[in-house]
Protein backbone atom coordinates (compact mmCIF):
# COMPACT_ATOMS: atom_id res chain seq x y z
CA UNK A 1 34.49 14.75 -13.34
CA UNK A 2 32.85 12.19 -11.13
CA UNK A 3 31.81 12.80 -7.52
CA UNK A 4 34.40 10.50 -6.00
CA UNK A 5 37.12 12.31 -7.92
CA UNK A 6 35.88 15.72 -6.82
CA UNK A 7 36.11 14.51 -3.19
CA UNK A 8 39.67 13.32 -3.79
CA UNK A 9 40.49 16.65 -5.32
CA UNK A 10 39.06 18.59 -2.40
CA UNK A 11 41.18 16.52 -0.15
CA UNK A 12 44.34 17.04 -2.11
CA UNK A 13 43.81 20.77 -1.75
CA UNK A 14 44.51 20.34 1.93
CA UNK A 15 48.23 19.29 1.42
CA UNK A 16 31.54 31.46 -35.47
CA UNK A 17 28.13 31.56 -35.37
CA UNK A 18 25.97 34.62 -36.40
CA UNK A 19 28.78 36.91 -35.12
CA UNK A 20 31.43 35.35 -37.23
CA UNK A 21 34.59 33.77 -35.75
CA UNK A 22 35.67 35.05 -32.32
CA UNK A 23 38.74 37.43 -32.32
CA UNK A 24 41.53 36.60 -29.93
CA UNK A 25 43.00 39.04 -27.51
CA UNK A 26 45.86 41.43 -28.54
CA UNK A 27 48.29 40.67 -25.69
CA UNK A 28 49.33 36.99 -25.66
CA UNK A 29 52.06 34.61 -25.04
CA UNK A 30 53.73 34.20 -28.42
CA UNK A 31 52.58 30.88 -29.84
CA UNK A 32 53.84 29.54 -33.16
CA UNK A 33 51.19 28.34 -35.53
CA UNK A 34 51.34 24.71 -34.56
CA UNK A 35 47.53 24.86 -34.75
CA UNK A 36 45.83 26.88 -37.38
CA UNK A 37 44.75 30.17 -36.00
CA UNK A 38 41.18 29.85 -37.31
CA UNK A 39 40.79 26.57 -35.41
CA UNK A 40 41.94 28.27 -32.14
CA UNK A 41 39.48 30.99 -32.83
CA UNK A 42 36.65 28.37 -33.31
CA UNK A 43 37.58 26.79 -29.87
CA UNK A 44 37.88 30.02 -28.13
CA UNK A 45 34.39 30.37 -26.41
CA UNK A 46 32.29 27.36 -25.64
CA UNK A 47 30.33 25.09 -23.33
CA UNK A 48 30.20 21.45 -22.39
CA UNK A 49 26.94 19.60 -23.54
CA UNK A 50 27.30 16.87 -20.96
CA UNK A 51 24.50 14.35 -21.20
CA UNK A 52 23.79 14.90 -24.91
CA UNK A 53 24.92 11.37 -25.74
CA UNK A 54 22.85 9.99 -22.96
CA UNK A 55 19.69 11.55 -24.19
CA UNK A 56 19.72 15.13 -22.74
CA UNK A 57 19.67 16.81 -26.15
CA UNK A 58 19.60 20.60 -25.92
CA UNK A 59 16.90 22.34 -28.07
CA UNK A 60 17.69 23.78 -31.43
CA UNK A 61 16.46 27.15 -30.12
CA UNK A 62 18.88 27.04 -27.23
CA UNK A 63 21.84 26.21 -29.44
CA UNK A 64 20.95 29.12 -31.71
CA UNK A 65 20.51 31.46 -28.74
CA UNK A 66 24.05 30.50 -27.56
CA UNK A 67 25.62 30.91 -30.94
CA UNK A 68 24.00 34.37 -31.37
CA UNK A 69 25.47 35.35 -28.03
CA UNK A 70 28.98 34.48 -29.30
CA UNK A 71 29.59 30.88 -28.47
CA UNK A 72 31.59 29.02 -31.17
CA UNK A 73 32.43 25.66 -29.66
CA UNK A 74 30.63 22.64 -28.04
CA UNK A 75 32.63 20.23 -25.95
CA UNK A 76 30.72 16.83 -26.36
CA UNK A 77 31.44 14.28 -23.62
CA UNK A 78 31.02 10.75 -25.09
CA UNK A 79 30.80 8.13 -22.31
CA UNK A 80 33.93 6.04 -22.87
CA UNK A 81 32.40 2.75 -21.76
CA UNK A 82 29.67 3.05 -24.35
CA UNK A 83 32.13 2.93 -27.28
CA UNK A 84 34.51 0.24 -25.78
CA UNK A 85 34.11 -3.42 -26.66
CA UNK A 86 34.94 -4.50 -23.02
CA UNK A 87 32.08 -2.58 -21.63
CA UNK A 88 29.47 -2.37 -24.32
CA UNK A 89 28.01 -4.57 -26.92
CA UNK A 90 28.23 -3.88 -30.63
CA UNK A 91 24.62 -2.78 -30.71
CA UNK A 92 25.15 -0.31 -27.90
CA UNK A 93 28.45 0.96 -29.46
CA UNK A 94 26.69 1.39 -32.85
CA UNK A 95 23.86 3.18 -31.23
CA UNK A 96 26.08 5.61 -29.34
CA UNK A 97 28.05 6.44 -32.53
CA UNK A 98 24.72 6.95 -34.26
CA UNK A 99 23.77 9.54 -31.53
CA UNK A 100 27.21 11.17 -31.96
CA UNK A 101 26.68 11.38 -35.72
CA UNK A 102 23.37 13.13 -35.30
CA UNK A 103 24.78 15.54 -32.70
CA UNK A 104 27.66 16.54 -34.97
CA UNK A 105 25.39 16.91 -37.94
CA UNK A 106 23.18 19.32 -36.01
CA UNK A 107 26.01 21.33 -34.44
CA UNK A 108 27.92 21.60 -37.79
CA UNK A 109 24.82 22.82 -39.48
CA UNK A 110 24.41 25.51 -36.82
CA UNK A 111 27.96 26.66 -37.31
CA UNK A 112 29.55 25.32 -34.17
CA UNK A 113 32.90 23.56 -33.95
CA UNK A 114 32.80 20.47 -31.77
CA UNK A 115 35.34 18.66 -29.69
CA UNK A 116 34.55 14.93 -29.36
CA UNK A 117 35.69 14.07 -25.75
CA UNK A 118 36.34 10.49 -24.81
CA UNK A 119 34.94 10.77 -21.24
CA UNK A 120 35.45 7.72 -18.94
CA UNK A 121 33.87 6.86 -15.57
CA UNK A 122 34.84 4.48 -12.79
CA UNK A 123 34.88 1.19 -14.79
CA UNK A 124 37.42 2.38 -17.29
CA UNK A 125 39.51 4.25 -14.72
CA UNK A 126 39.73 1.16 -12.68
CA UNK A 127 40.89 -0.76 -15.73
CA UNK A 128 43.32 2.08 -16.59
CA UNK A 129 45.02 1.65 -13.24
CA UNK A 130 44.92 -2.09 -12.94
CA UNK A 131 45.86 -3.01 -16.65
CA UNK A 132 47.10 -0.01 -18.66
CA UNK A 133 47.90 -2.13 -21.61
CA UNK A 134 44.34 -3.42 -21.89
CA UNK A 135 43.01 0.20 -21.27
CA UNK A 136 45.14 1.40 -24.20
CA UNK A 137 43.58 -1.19 -26.30
CA UNK A 138 40.11 -0.05 -25.36
CA UNK A 139 41.00 3.49 -26.14
CA UNK A 140 42.15 2.47 -29.53
CA UNK A 141 39.10 0.59 -30.16
CA UNK A 142 37.01 3.52 -29.11
CA UNK A 143 38.74 5.86 -31.34
CA UNK A 144 38.48 3.56 -34.28
CA UNK A 145 34.81 3.87 -33.86
CA UNK A 146 34.81 7.59 -33.14
CA UNK A 147 37.06 8.31 -36.13
CA UNK A 148 34.63 6.50 -38.49
CA UNK A 149 32.11 9.16 -37.53
CA UNK A 150 34.34 12.19 -37.24
CA UNK A 151 35.91 11.80 -40.66
CA UNK A 152 32.52 12.42 -42.24
CA UNK A 153 32.84 16.09 -41.20
CA UNK A 154 35.20 18.86 -42.09
CA UNK A 155 38.55 18.43 -40.27
CA UNK A 156 38.57 22.05 -39.24
CA UNK A 157 35.23 21.76 -37.47
CA UNK A 158 35.67 18.70 -35.31
CA UNK A 159 38.42 18.13 -32.66
CA UNK A 160 39.42 14.81 -31.08
CA UNK A 161 39.98 14.98 -27.34
CA UNK A 162 41.84 11.71 -26.59
CA UNK A 163 40.84 11.17 -22.90
CA UNK A 164 39.23 13.32 -20.26
CA UNK A 165 41.16 13.47 -16.88
CA UNK A 166 43.43 10.42 -17.26
CA UNK A 167 43.53 8.73 -13.84
CA UNK A 168 46.84 7.07 -14.03
CA UNK A 169 50.53 7.79 -13.16
CA UNK A 170 51.92 10.95 -14.96
CA UNK A 171 54.91 9.16 -16.50
CA UNK A 172 52.81 6.20 -17.72
CA UNK A 173 50.19 8.58 -19.27
CA UNK A 174 53.04 10.53 -21.01
CA UNK A 175 54.17 7.28 -22.77
CA UNK A 176 50.58 6.15 -23.33
CA UNK A 177 49.23 9.33 -24.84
CA UNK A 178 52.02 9.64 -27.26
CA UNK A 179 51.16 6.17 -28.56
CA UNK A 180 47.45 6.92 -28.58
CA UNK A 181 47.97 10.19 -30.37
CA UNK A 182 50.03 8.44 -33.04
CA UNK A 183 47.29 5.95 -33.47
CA UNK A 184 44.58 8.54 -33.76
CA UNK A 185 46.65 10.63 -36.09
CA UNK A 186 46.62 7.71 -38.62
CA UNK A 187 42.87 7.52 -38.36
CA UNK A 188 42.33 11.36 -38.60
CA UNK A 189 45.43 12.83 -40.34
CA UNK A 190 43.96 16.38 -40.55
CA UNK A 191 42.22 16.62 -37.25
CA UNK A 192 43.49 18.79 -34.38
CA UNK A 193 43.90 16.65 -31.28
CA UNK A 194 43.25 17.76 -27.58
CA UNK A 195 45.16 16.29 -24.78
CA UNK A 196 45.72 16.98 -21.04
CA UNK A 197 47.79 15.95 -18.03
CA UNK A 198 46.91 13.67 -15.15
CA UNK A 199 45.55 14.77 -11.69
CA UNK A 200 42.17 16.10 -13.01
CA UNK A 201 44.00 18.12 -15.61
CA UNK A 202 44.86 20.77 -13.04
CA UNK A 203 47.04 23.57 -14.17
CA UNK A 204 49.67 22.63 -11.66
CA UNK A 205 49.96 19.18 -13.31
CA UNK A 206 50.80 20.68 -16.66
CA UNK A 207 54.51 21.36 -15.81
CA UNK A 208 55.20 17.62 -15.64
CA UNK A 209 53.55 17.02 -19.08
CA UNK A 210 55.70 17.24 -22.15
CA UNK A 211 54.32 18.52 -25.35
CA UNK A 212 53.69 15.72 -28.05
CA UNK A 213 55.85 15.55 -31.11
CA UNK A 214 52.70 15.99 -33.09
CA UNK A 215 52.37 19.91 -33.61
CA UNK A 216 48.61 19.90 -34.28
CA UNK A 217 47.69 19.55 -30.60
CA UNK A 218 45.78 21.78 -28.18
CA UNK A 219 46.59 21.27 -24.39
CA UNK A 220 43.53 21.10 -22.05
CA UNK A 221 43.40 22.03 -18.36
CA UNK A 222 40.43 22.09 -16.00
CA UNK A 223 39.85 24.72 -13.41
CA UNK A 224 37.84 24.62 -10.20
CA UNK A 225 39.88 26.37 -7.66
CA UNK A 226 39.20 27.07 -4.88
CA UNK A 227 37.26 23.95 -4.63
CA UNK A 228 35.69 25.15 -1.32
CA UNK A 229 34.03 27.92 -3.35
CA UNK A 230 33.17 26.18 -6.61
CA UNK A 231 31.85 23.04 -4.95
CA UNK A 232 30.19 24.36 -1.84
CA UNK A 233 26.75 22.87 -0.98
CA UNK A 234 28.10 19.60 -2.68
CA UNK A 235 25.31 17.22 -3.73
CA UNK A 236 26.86 14.38 -1.67
CA UNK A 237 25.89 14.68 2.03
CA UNK A 238 29.07 12.77 2.92
CA UNK A 239 31.38 15.34 1.27
CA UNK A 240 32.75 17.97 3.61
CA UNK A 241 31.88 20.68 1.07
CA UNK A 242 28.22 19.78 1.53
CA UNK A 243 28.51 21.62 4.91
CA UNK A 244 29.61 24.91 3.31
CA UNK A 245 27.02 27.29 1.78
CA UNK A 246 26.94 30.99 0.80
CA UNK A 247 30.77 31.37 0.92
CA UNK A 248 31.67 34.55 -1.14
CA UNK A 249 34.47 34.99 -3.52
CA UNK A 250 37.12 36.23 -3.25
CA UNK A 251 37.59 34.52 0.10
CA UNK A 252 38.63 37.12 2.62
CA UNK A 253 39.45 36.13 6.33
CA UNK A 254 38.11 39.50 7.48
CA UNK A 255 34.82 39.14 5.73
CA UNK A 256 32.05 38.93 8.34
CA UNK A 257 30.42 36.18 6.32
CA UNK A 258 33.61 34.16 6.30
CA UNK A 259 34.13 34.64 10.04
CA UNK A 260 30.51 33.59 10.75
CA UNK A 261 30.94 30.51 8.55
CA UNK A 262 34.15 29.52 10.46
CA UNK A 263 32.33 29.82 13.77
CA UNK A 264 29.23 27.93 12.56
CA UNK A 265 31.54 25.01 11.27
CA UNK A 266 33.35 24.96 14.63
CA UNK A 267 30.06 24.86 16.51
CA UNK A 268 28.67 21.99 14.41
CA UNK A 269 31.94 20.00 14.69
CA UNK A 270 32.46 20.07 10.79
CA UNK A 271 36.12 19.76 11.15
CA UNK A 272 36.87 18.54 7.62
CA UNK A 273 34.96 21.27 6.10
CA UNK A 274 36.54 23.83 8.36
CA UNK A 275 40.00 22.50 7.35
CA UNK A 276 39.23 23.00 3.76
CA UNK A 277 37.97 26.49 4.39
CA UNK A 278 41.06 27.32 6.36
CA UNK A 279 43.35 26.16 3.61
CA UNK A 280 41.42 28.38 1.19
CA UNK A 281 41.62 31.37 3.51
CA UNK A 282 45.40 30.96 3.90
CA UNK A 283 45.88 30.72 0.07
CA UNK A 284 43.82 33.90 -0.41
CA UNK A 285 46.09 35.84 1.87
CA UNK A 286 48.91 35.45 -0.67
CA UNK A 287 46.83 36.02 -3.84
CA UNK A 288 43.08 35.48 -3.93
CA UNK A 289 42.58 35.54 -7.65
CA UNK A 290 42.48 32.91 -10.45
CA UNK A 291 46.06 33.68 -11.53
CA UNK A 292 47.34 32.07 -8.33
CA UNK A 293 46.20 28.68 -9.56
CA UNK A 294 46.57 29.18 -13.38
CA UNK A 295 50.17 30.51 -13.24
CA UNK A 296 51.85 27.08 -13.63
CA UNK A 297 49.99 26.56 -16.91
CA UNK A 298 51.07 29.94 -18.12
CA UNK A 299 54.66 29.24 -17.31
CA UNK A 300 54.40 25.93 -19.20
CA UNK A 301 53.12 27.83 -22.16
CA UNK A 302 55.79 30.35 -21.99
CA UNK A 303 58.31 27.44 -22.00
CA UNK A 304 56.86 25.31 -24.79
CA UNK A 305 54.78 27.81 -26.77
CA UNK A 306 51.58 25.59 -27.27
CA UNK A 307 47.98 26.57 -27.23
CA UNK A 308 45.94 26.03 -24.23
CA UNK A 309 42.24 25.61 -23.56
CA UNK A 310 40.48 25.58 -20.11
CA UNK A 311 37.79 23.25 -21.29
CA UNK A 312 36.11 22.61 -17.78
CA UNK A 313 35.56 25.34 -15.19
CA UNK A 314 32.49 26.32 -13.36
CA UNK A 315 30.71 26.99 -10.13
CA UNK A 316 28.03 24.73 -8.62
CA UNK A 317 24.83 26.87 -8.37
CA UNK A 318 23.26 25.30 -5.38
CA UNK A 319 25.23 27.08 -2.73
CA UNK A 320 27.37 29.78 -4.16
CA UNK A 321 26.27 33.41 -3.84
CA UNK A 322 25.18 34.52 -7.28
CA UNK A 323 27.34 37.67 -7.49
CA UNK A 324 30.37 35.69 -6.34
CA UNK A 325 29.68 33.06 -8.99
CA UNK A 326 29.55 35.76 -11.68
CA UNK A 327 32.73 37.35 -10.43
CA UNK A 328 34.52 34.07 -10.45
CA UNK A 329 33.39 33.07 -13.97
CA UNK A 330 34.31 36.67 -15.28
CA UNK A 331 37.72 36.35 -13.74
CA UNK A 332 38.47 33.04 -15.37
CA UNK A 333 37.45 33.98 -18.78
CA UNK A 334 39.18 37.35 -18.62
CA UNK A 335 42.44 35.51 -17.70
CA UNK A 336 41.87 33.38 -20.65
CA UNK A 337 41.29 36.29 -23.01
CA UNK A 338 44.36 38.05 -21.61
CA UNK A 339 46.57 34.94 -22.66
CA UNK A 340 44.69 33.90 -25.72
CA UNK A 341 43.45 30.66 -24.15
CA UNK A 342 40.32 29.09 -25.38
CA UNK A 343 37.63 27.99 -22.82
CA UNK A 344 34.53 25.79 -22.47
CA UNK A 345 32.27 26.30 -19.51
CA UNK A 346 31.17 23.24 -17.54
CA UNK A 347 28.32 22.77 -18.32
CA UNK A 348 25.11 23.68 -20.06
CA UNK A 349 21.96 22.89 -18.01
CA UNK A 350 22.75 20.78 -14.94
CA UNK A 351 24.24 21.73 -11.59
CA UNK A 352 26.90 24.04 -12.96
CA UNK A 353 24.86 25.09 -16.01
CA UNK A 354 24.71 28.39 -17.71
CA UNK A 355 20.94 27.97 -18.49
CA UNK A 356 18.45 29.62 -16.29
CA UNK A 357 16.17 26.75 -15.26
CA UNK A 358 13.23 29.08 -14.71
CA UNK A 359 13.24 30.33 -18.31
CA UNK A 360 15.25 27.62 -20.17
CA UNK A 361 17.21 30.22 -21.75
CA UNK A 362 20.93 31.24 -21.23
CA UNK A 363 21.28 33.25 -18.02
CA UNK A 364 22.04 36.79 -19.27
CA UNK A 365 24.18 37.63 -16.25
CA UNK A 366 26.28 34.44 -16.71
CA UNK A 367 26.70 35.08 -20.44
CA UNK A 368 27.99 38.64 -19.76
CA UNK A 369 30.39 37.29 -17.11
CA UNK A 370 31.64 34.64 -19.54
CA UNK A 371 31.99 36.68 -22.73
CA UNK A 372 33.21 39.89 -21.01
CA UNK A 373 33.18 43.40 -22.41
CA UNK A 374 32.65 43.96 -26.07
CA UNK A 375 35.06 46.37 -27.67
CA UNK A 376 34.33 48.30 -30.88
CA UNK A 377 34.97 46.01 -33.83
CA UNK A 378 34.90 42.82 -31.78
CA UNK A 379 32.20 40.19 -31.45
């Protein structure tokens, strides 16, 4: 997600490593084996390694620690413009693909499965809106290069995520992704694809998205609700959420901290932040927990019986109370386990990261929140 798109989203709210392969939960929505169960198990618990392709390579020791803890999957965002001819020279494209190859080699050797995520920024997103046909051509060019790297690795270990957060009309994306999936399928006939809907891949966008004819597809949603909690103390001082800090979760209108925050925002004239907070308070009166926002995706799955991954979710660490952050993370992954959804935390070591910056190691409390209780006979 880019900062500007997070601001738009906030506004829209106003209207098998050492432990072996993870075991999926017992009580699930019945899903036919359109995707091999072992592949879904490999995807089930993961994290985003954002920045790896740009040079922020996690240490081997850190990756091993996460694997021993039970993580099985790394979502690897590849900056789309760096593998597209319109935006990058052949030298830059080749160098980027070389970094990807090294990353896949290391992750595969460590026992991880990896999803290669074509992750665009503003330049591509602008092209996508202004000239969708040209954008489709660039995506095909990008996947031609990515496929040359991916096909060197076992098809059951590397997944192809066609485009992160498509920023285009829903109907147009439906037509476009069907064409893109068919194109990539010819390049990677045995690879499981990952696709998602428009509108930041929100759960409530999935009902407008039809499953592809290709059966070997996992459907990805992103989850950051309520934004007023997950993005409080926003890094952009112009964002209304920058004015909110130390907001607890769940959000309860009767909580003295919430009342005090409302009064402070009123006193400071922070009307936009106050509006966002009031929307969150009103929503919490109905149902304050994650299933309020995730229910549309579950209903879609019940209708179409396709596998789902929540491959972005997290809480910005700068302003959220620690215990509330842990509670929110635990709630999301518990919901995922209950419905046999895979998940990948956003992200590893940056603002949302699961790494403790003071130690450079995985935060043990965050890991417990994410991975949940261990039952006898489970990993």
